[in-house]
PDB file of all heavy atoms in Angstrom:
ATOM      1  N   LEU A   1       4.666   2.515   7.390  1.00  0.00           N
ATOM      2  CA  LEU A   1       3.827   1.391   6.961  1.00  0.00           C
ATOM      3  C   LEU A   1       4.265   0.875   5.601  1.00  0.00           C
ATOM      4  O   LEU A   1       4.807   1.624   4.787  1.00  0.00           O
ATOM      5  CB  LEU A   1       2.363   1.826   6.851  1.00  0.00           C
ATOM      6  CG  LEU A   1       1.656   2.195   8.146  1.00  0.00           C
ATOM      7  CD1 LEU A   1       0.327   2.875   7.843  1.00  0.00           C
ATOM      8  CD2 LEU A   1       1.435   0.966   8.996  1.00  0.00           C
ATOM      9  N   VAL A   2       3.988  -0.382   5.360  1.00  0.00           N
ATOM     10  CA  VAL A   2       4.123  -0.957   4.031  1.00  0.00           C
ATOM     11  C   VAL A   2       2.739  -1.482   3.655  1.00  0.00           C
ATOM     12  O   VAL A   2       2.074  -2.132   4.474  1.00  0.00           O
ATOM     13  CB  VAL A   2       5.215  -2.048   3.967  1.00  0.00           C
ATOM     14  CG1 VAL A   2       4.904  -3.209   4.875  1.00  0.00           C
ATOM     15  CG2 VAL A   2       5.456  -2.505   2.552  1.00  0.00           C
ATOM     16  N   ALA A   3       2.274  -1.145   2.461  1.00  0.00           N
ATOM     17  CA  ALA A   3       0.926  -1.525   2.020  1.00  0.00           C
ATOM     18  C   ALA A   3       1.008  -2.682   1.025  1.00  0.00           C
ATOM     19  O   ALA A   3       1.917  -2.737   0.190  1.00  0.00           O
ATOM     20  CB  ALA A   3       0.228  -0.333   1.377  1.00  0.00           C
ATOM     21  N   PHE A   4       0.030  -3.591   1.126  1.00  0.00           N
ATOM     22  CA  PHE A   4      -0.042  -4.729   0.211  1.00  0.00           C
ATOM     23  C   PHE A   4      -1.460  -4.852  -0.328  1.00  0.00           C
ATOM     24  O   PHE A   4      -2.424  -4.749   0.417  1.00  0.00           O
ATOM     25  CB  PHE A   4       0.336  -6.030   0.927  1.00  0.00           C
ATOM     26  CG  PHE A   4       0.203  -7.237   0.036  1.00  0.00           C
ATOM     27  CD1 PHE A   4       1.222  -7.590  -0.830  1.00  0.00           C
ATOM     28  CD2 PHE A   4      -0.959  -8.001   0.044  1.00  0.00           C
ATOM     29  CE1 PHE A   4       1.089  -8.690  -1.669  1.00  0.00           C
ATOM     30  CE2 PHE A   4      -1.094  -9.102  -0.792  1.00  0.00           C
ATOM     31  CZ  PHE A   4      -0.071  -9.447  -1.642  1.00  0.00           C
ATOM     32  N   TRP A   5      -1.560  -5.090  -1.632  1.00  0.00           N
ATOM     33  CA  TRP A   5      -2.840  -5.394  -2.244  1.00  0.00           C
ATOM     34  C   TRP A   5      -2.594  -6.149  -3.540  1.00  0.00           C
ATOM     35  O   TRP A   5      -1.492  -6.150  -4.075  1.00  0.00           O
ATOM     36  CB  TRP A   5      -3.684  -4.133  -2.475  1.00  0.00           C
ATOM     37  CG  TRP A   5      -3.201  -3.200  -3.546  1.00  0.00           C
ATOM     38  CD1 TRP A   5      -3.667  -3.118  -4.837  1.00  0.00           C
ATOM     39  CD2 TRP A   5      -2.186  -2.199  -3.434  1.00  0.00           C
ATOM     40  NE1 TRP A   5      -2.995  -2.136  -5.522  1.00  0.00           N
ATOM     41  CE2 TRP A   5      -2.088  -1.557  -4.683  1.00  0.00           C
ATOM     42  CE3 TRP A   5      -1.343  -1.786  -2.411  1.00  0.00           C
ATOM     43  CZ2 TRP A   5      -1.176  -0.528  -4.931  1.00  0.00           C
ATOM     44  CZ3 TRP A   5      -0.440  -0.760  -2.654  1.00  0.00           C
ATOM     45  CH2 TRP A   5      -0.362  -0.138  -3.900  1.00  0.00           C
ATOM     46  N   THR A   6      -3.642  -6.799  -3.999  1.00  0.00           N
ATOM     47  CA  THR A   6      -3.581  -7.544  -5.251  1.00  0.00           C
ATOM     48  C   THR A   6      -4.599  -6.925  -6.191  1.00  0.00           C
ATOM     49  O   THR A   6      -5.768  -6.779  -5.848  1.00  0.00           O
ATOM     50  CB  THR A   6      -3.901  -9.036  -5.019  1.00  0.00           C
ATOM     51  OG1 THR A   6      -2.981  -9.553  -4.054  1.00  0.00           O
ATOM     52  CG2 THR A   6      -3.781  -9.823  -6.302  1.00  0.00           C
ATOM     53  N   SER A   7      -4.128  -6.525  -7.368  1.00  0.00           N
ATOM     54  CA  SER A   7      -5.026  -5.898  -8.338  1.00  0.00           C
ATOM     55  C   SER A   7      -5.537  -6.931  -9.329  1.00  0.00           C
ATOM     56  O   SER A   7      -5.162  -8.108  -9.274  1.00  0.00           O
ATOM     57  CB  SER A   7      -4.294  -4.769  -9.067  1.00  0.00           C
ATOM     58  OG  SER A   7      -3.185  -5.283  -9.788  1.00  0.00           O
ATOM     59  N   ASP A   8      -6.393  -6.472 -10.226  1.00  0.00           N
ATOM     60  CA  ASP A   8      -6.920  -7.356 -11.268  1.00  0.00           C
ATOM     61  C   ASP A   8      -5.765  -8.039 -11.985  1.00  0.00           C
ATOM     62  O   ASP A   8      -4.725  -7.440 -12.214  1.00  0.00           O
ATOM     63  CB  ASP A   8      -7.760  -6.550 -12.268  1.00  0.00           C
ATOM     64  CG  ASP A   8      -9.017  -5.988 -11.631  1.00  0.00           C
ATOM     65  OD1 ASP A   8      -9.485  -6.572 -10.620  1.00  0.00           O
ATOM     66  OD2 ASP A   8      -9.526  -4.966 -12.124  1.00  0.00           O
ATOM     67  N   GLY A   9      -5.979  -9.271 -12.329  1.00  0.00           N
ATOM     68  CA  GLY A   9      -4.920 -10.030 -12.975  1.00  0.00           C
ATOM     69  C   GLY A   9      -3.955 -10.627 -11.971  1.00  0.00           C
ATOM     70  O   GLY A   9      -2.878 -11.072 -12.335  1.00  0.00           O
ATOM     71  N   ASP A  10      -4.339 -10.607 -10.700  1.00  0.00           N
ATOM     72  CA  ASP A  10      -3.524 -11.181  -9.623  1.00  0.00           C
ATOM     73  C   ASP A  10      -2.127 -10.586  -9.536  1.00  0.00           C
ATOM     74  O   ASP A  10      -1.169 -11.266  -9.216  1.00  0.00           O
ATOM     75  CB  ASP A  10      -3.438 -12.715  -9.754  1.00  0.00           C
ATOM     76  CG  ASP A  10      -4.783 -13.378  -9.546  1.00  0.00           C
ATOM     77  OD1 ASP A  10      -5.586 -12.830  -8.760  1.00  0.00           O
ATOM     78  OD2 ASP A  10      -5.035 -14.426 -10.161  1.00  0.00           O
ATOM     79  N   LYS A  11      -2.005  -9.288  -9.813  1.00  0.00           N
ATOM     80  CA  LYS A  11      -0.721  -8.600  -9.677  1.00  0.00           C
ATOM     81  C   LYS A  11      -0.578  -8.087  -8.252  1.00  0.00           C
ATOM     82  O   LYS A  11      -1.434  -7.364  -7.758  1.00  0.00           O
ATOM     83  CB  LYS A  11      -0.636  -7.437 -10.663  1.00  0.00           C
ATOM     84  CG  LYS A  11       0.689  -6.705 -10.605  1.00  0.00           C
ATOM     85  CD  LYS A  11       0.783  -5.719 -11.741  1.00  0.00           C
ATOM     86  CE  LYS A  11       1.936  -4.837 -11.775  1.00  0.00           C
ATOM     87  NZ  LYS A  11       3.102  -4.884 -11.197  1.00  0.00           N
ATOM     88  N   HIS A  12       0.497  -8.478  -7.572  1.00  0.00           N
ATOM     89  CA  HIS A  12       0.747  -8.073  -6.197  1.00  0.00           C
ATOM     90  C   HIS A  12       1.449  -6.717  -6.156  1.00  0.00           C
ATOM     91  O   HIS A  12       2.348  -6.458  -6.952  1.00  0.00           O
ATOM     92  CB  HIS A  12       1.624  -9.103  -5.478  1.00  0.00           C
ATOM     93  CG  HIS A  12       1.025 -10.462  -5.432  1.00  0.00           C
ATOM     94  ND1 HIS A  12      -0.194 -10.727  -4.839  1.00  0.00           N
ATOM     95  CD2 HIS A  12       1.458 -11.647  -5.914  1.00  0.00           C
ATOM     96  CE1 HIS A  12      -0.465 -12.005  -4.957  1.00  0.00           C
ATOM     97  NE2 HIS A  12       0.512 -12.586  -5.609  1.00  0.00           N
ATOM     98  N   HIS A  13       1.020  -5.896  -5.213  1.00  0.00           N
ATOM     99  CA  HIS A  13       1.651  -4.584  -4.991  1.00  0.00           C
ATOM    100  C   HIS A  13       2.099  -4.526  -3.538  1.00  0.00           C
ATOM    101  O   HIS A  13       1.325  -4.849  -2.625  1.00  0.00           O
ATOM    102  CB  HIS A  13       0.649  -3.462  -5.276  1.00  0.00           C
ATOM    103  CG  HIS A  13       0.099  -3.504  -6.659  1.00  0.00           C
ATOM    104  ND1 HIS A  13       0.708  -2.895  -7.723  1.00  0.00           N
ATOM    105  CD2 HIS A  13      -1.009  -4.121  -7.161  1.00  0.00           C
ATOM    106  CE1 HIS A  13       0.013  -3.110  -8.823  1.00  0.00           C
ATOM    107  NE2 HIS A  13      -1.041  -3.853  -8.503  1.00  0.00           N
ATOM    108  N   PHE A  14       3.323  -4.105  -3.320  1.00  0.00           N
ATOM    109  CA  PHE A  14       3.931  -4.044  -1.991  1.00  0.00           C
ATOM    110  C   PHE A  14       4.726  -2.747  -1.966  1.00  0.00           C
ATOM    111  O   PHE A  14       5.786  -2.652  -2.585  1.00  0.00           O
ATOM    112  CB  PHE A  14       4.833  -5.262  -1.804  1.00  0.00           C
ATOM    113  CG  PHE A  14       5.405  -5.426  -0.436  1.00  0.00           C
ATOM    114  CD1 PHE A  14       4.636  -5.892   0.613  1.00  0.00           C
ATOM    115  CD2 PHE A  14       6.742  -5.131  -0.197  1.00  0.00           C
ATOM    116  CE1 PHE A  14       5.177  -6.079   1.868  1.00  0.00           C
ATOM    117  CE2 PHE A  14       7.291  -5.308   1.053  1.00  0.00           C
ATOM    118  CZ  PHE A  14       6.507  -5.781   2.090  1.00  0.00           C
ATOM    119  N   VAL A  15       4.185  -1.716  -1.290  1.00  0.00           N
ATOM    120  CA  VAL A  15       4.744  -0.371  -1.400  1.00  0.00           C
ATOM    121  C   VAL A  15       5.068   0.195  -0.022  1.00  0.00           C
ATOM    122  O   VAL A  15       4.209   0.234   0.864  1.00  0.00           O
ATOM    123  CB  VAL A  15       3.772   0.569  -2.150  1.00  0.00           C
ATOM    124  CG1 VAL A  15       4.352   1.967  -2.263  1.00  0.00           C
ATOM    125  CG2 VAL A  15       3.445   0.011  -3.530  1.00  0.00           C
ATOM    126  N   ASP A  16       6.297   0.645   0.145  1.00  0.00           N
ATOM    127  CA  ASP A  16       6.757   1.313   1.357  1.00  0.00           C
ATOM    128  C   ASP A  16       6.052   2.663   1.437  1.00  0.00           C
ATOM    129  O   ASP A  16       6.059   3.439   0.477  1.00  0.00           O
ATOM    130  CB  ASP A  16       8.274   1.494   1.272  1.00  0.00           C
ATOM    131  CG  ASP A  16       8.897   2.075   2.524  1.00  0.00           C
ATOM    132  OD1 ASP A  16       8.175   2.368   3.495  1.00  0.00           O
ATOM    133  OD2 ASP A  16      10.130   2.249   2.513  1.00  0.00           O
ATOM    134  N   GLY A  17       5.443   2.939   2.582  1.00  0.00           N
ATOM    135  CA  GLY A  17       4.723   4.191   2.749  1.00  0.00           C
ATOM    136  C   GLY A  17       4.792   4.680   4.182  1.00  0.00           C
ATOM    137  O   GLY A  17       5.484   4.108   5.022  1.00  0.00           O
ATOM    138  N   HIS A  18       4.061   5.738   4.435  1.00  0.00           N
ATOM    139  CA  HIS A  18       3.981   6.311   5.783  1.00  0.00           C
ATOM    140  C   HIS A  18       2.688   7.113   5.872  1.00  0.00           C
ATOM    141  O   HIS A  18       2.076   7.427   4.852  1.00  0.00           O
ATOM    142  CB  HIS A  18       5.190   7.207   6.077  1.00  0.00           C
ATOM    143  CG  HIS A  18       5.234   8.427   5.221  1.00  0.00           C
ATOM    144  ND1 HIS A  18       5.737   8.418   3.933  1.00  0.00           N
ATOM    145  CD2 HIS A  18       4.821   9.695   5.449  1.00  0.00           C
ATOM    146  CE1 HIS A  18       5.641   9.624   3.415  1.00  0.00           C
ATOM    147  NE2 HIS A  18       5.082  10.427   4.306  1.00  0.00           N
ATOM    148  N   THR A  19       2.294   7.406   7.097  1.00  0.00           N
ATOM    149  CA  THR A  19       1.147   8.283   7.278  1.00  0.00           C
ATOM    150  C   THR A  19       1.631   9.631   7.792  1.00  0.00           C
ATOM    151  O   THR A  19       2.633   9.719   8.501  1.00  0.00           O
ATOM    152  CB  THR A  19       0.129   7.699   8.282  1.00  0.00           C
ATOM    153  OG1 THR A  19       0.792   7.385   9.504  1.00  0.00           O
ATOM    154  CG2 THR A  19      -0.536   6.459   7.718  1.00  0.00           C
ATOM    155  N   ASP A  20       0.887  10.666   7.427  1.00  0.00           N
ATOM    156  CA  ASP A  20       1.215  11.998   7.942  1.00  0.00           C
ATOM    157  C   ASP A  20       0.529  12.187   9.297  1.00  0.00           C
ATOM    158  O   ASP A  20      -0.084  11.259   9.832  1.00  0.00           O
ATOM    159  CB  ASP A  20       0.841  13.087   6.934  1.00  0.00           C
ATOM    160  CG  ASP A  20      -0.656  13.192   6.673  1.00  0.00           C
ATOM    161  OD1 ASP A  20      -1.478  12.591   7.415  1.00  0.00           O
ATOM    162  OD2 ASP A  20      -1.038  13.919   5.728  1.00  0.00           O
ATOM    163  N   GLY A  21       0.613  13.366   9.853  1.00  0.00           N
ATOM    164  CA  GLY A  21       0.033  13.657  11.164  1.00  0.00           C
ATOM    165  C   GLY A  21      -1.477  13.534  11.220  1.00  0.00           C
ATOM    166  O   GLY A  21      -2.056  13.410  12.300  1.00  0.00           O
ATOM    167  N   ASP A  22      -2.134  13.558  10.054  1.00  0.00           N
ATOM    168  CA  ASP A  22      -3.593  13.411  10.003  1.00  0.00           C
ATOM    169  C   ASP A  22      -4.030  11.984   9.699  1.00  0.00           C
ATOM    170  O   ASP A  22      -5.217  11.693   9.659  1.00  0.00           O
ATOM    171  CB  ASP A  22      -4.179  14.345   8.940  1.00  0.00           C
ATOM    172  CG  ASP A  22      -3.979  15.808   9.301  1.00  0.00           C
ATOM    173  OD1 ASP A  22      -4.074  16.147  10.507  1.00  0.00           O
ATOM    174  OD2 ASP A  22      -3.709  16.610   8.387  1.00  0.00           O
ATOM    175  N   GLY A  23      -3.067  11.098   9.418  1.00  0.00           N
ATOM    176  CA  GLY A  23      -3.399   9.708   9.126  1.00  0.00           C
ATOM    177  C   GLY A  23      -3.549   9.389   7.658  1.00  0.00           C
ATOM    178  O   GLY A  23      -4.004   8.301   7.312  1.00  0.00           O
ATOM    179  N   LEU A  24      -3.170  10.315   6.765  1.00  0.00           N
ATOM    180  CA  LEU A  24      -3.239  10.024   5.329  1.00  0.00           C
ATOM    181  C   LEU A  24      -2.063   9.140   4.939  1.00  0.00           C
ATOM    182  O   LEU A  24      -0.911   9.447   5.252  1.00  0.00           O
ATOM    183  CB  LEU A  24      -3.214  11.304   4.502  1.00  0.00           C
ATOM    184  CG  LEU A  24      -4.446  12.188   4.595  1.00  0.00           C
ATOM    185  CD1 LEU A  24      -4.280  13.415   3.716  1.00  0.00           C
ATOM    186  CD2 LEU A  24      -5.705  11.426   4.219  1.00  0.00           C
TER     187      LEU A  24
END
């Protein structure tokens, strides 16, 4: 998965990620 969110100050975050076998 790749996650996207915008934090305070309209800063965009786009981070390569993955889930483990439990969904974390």
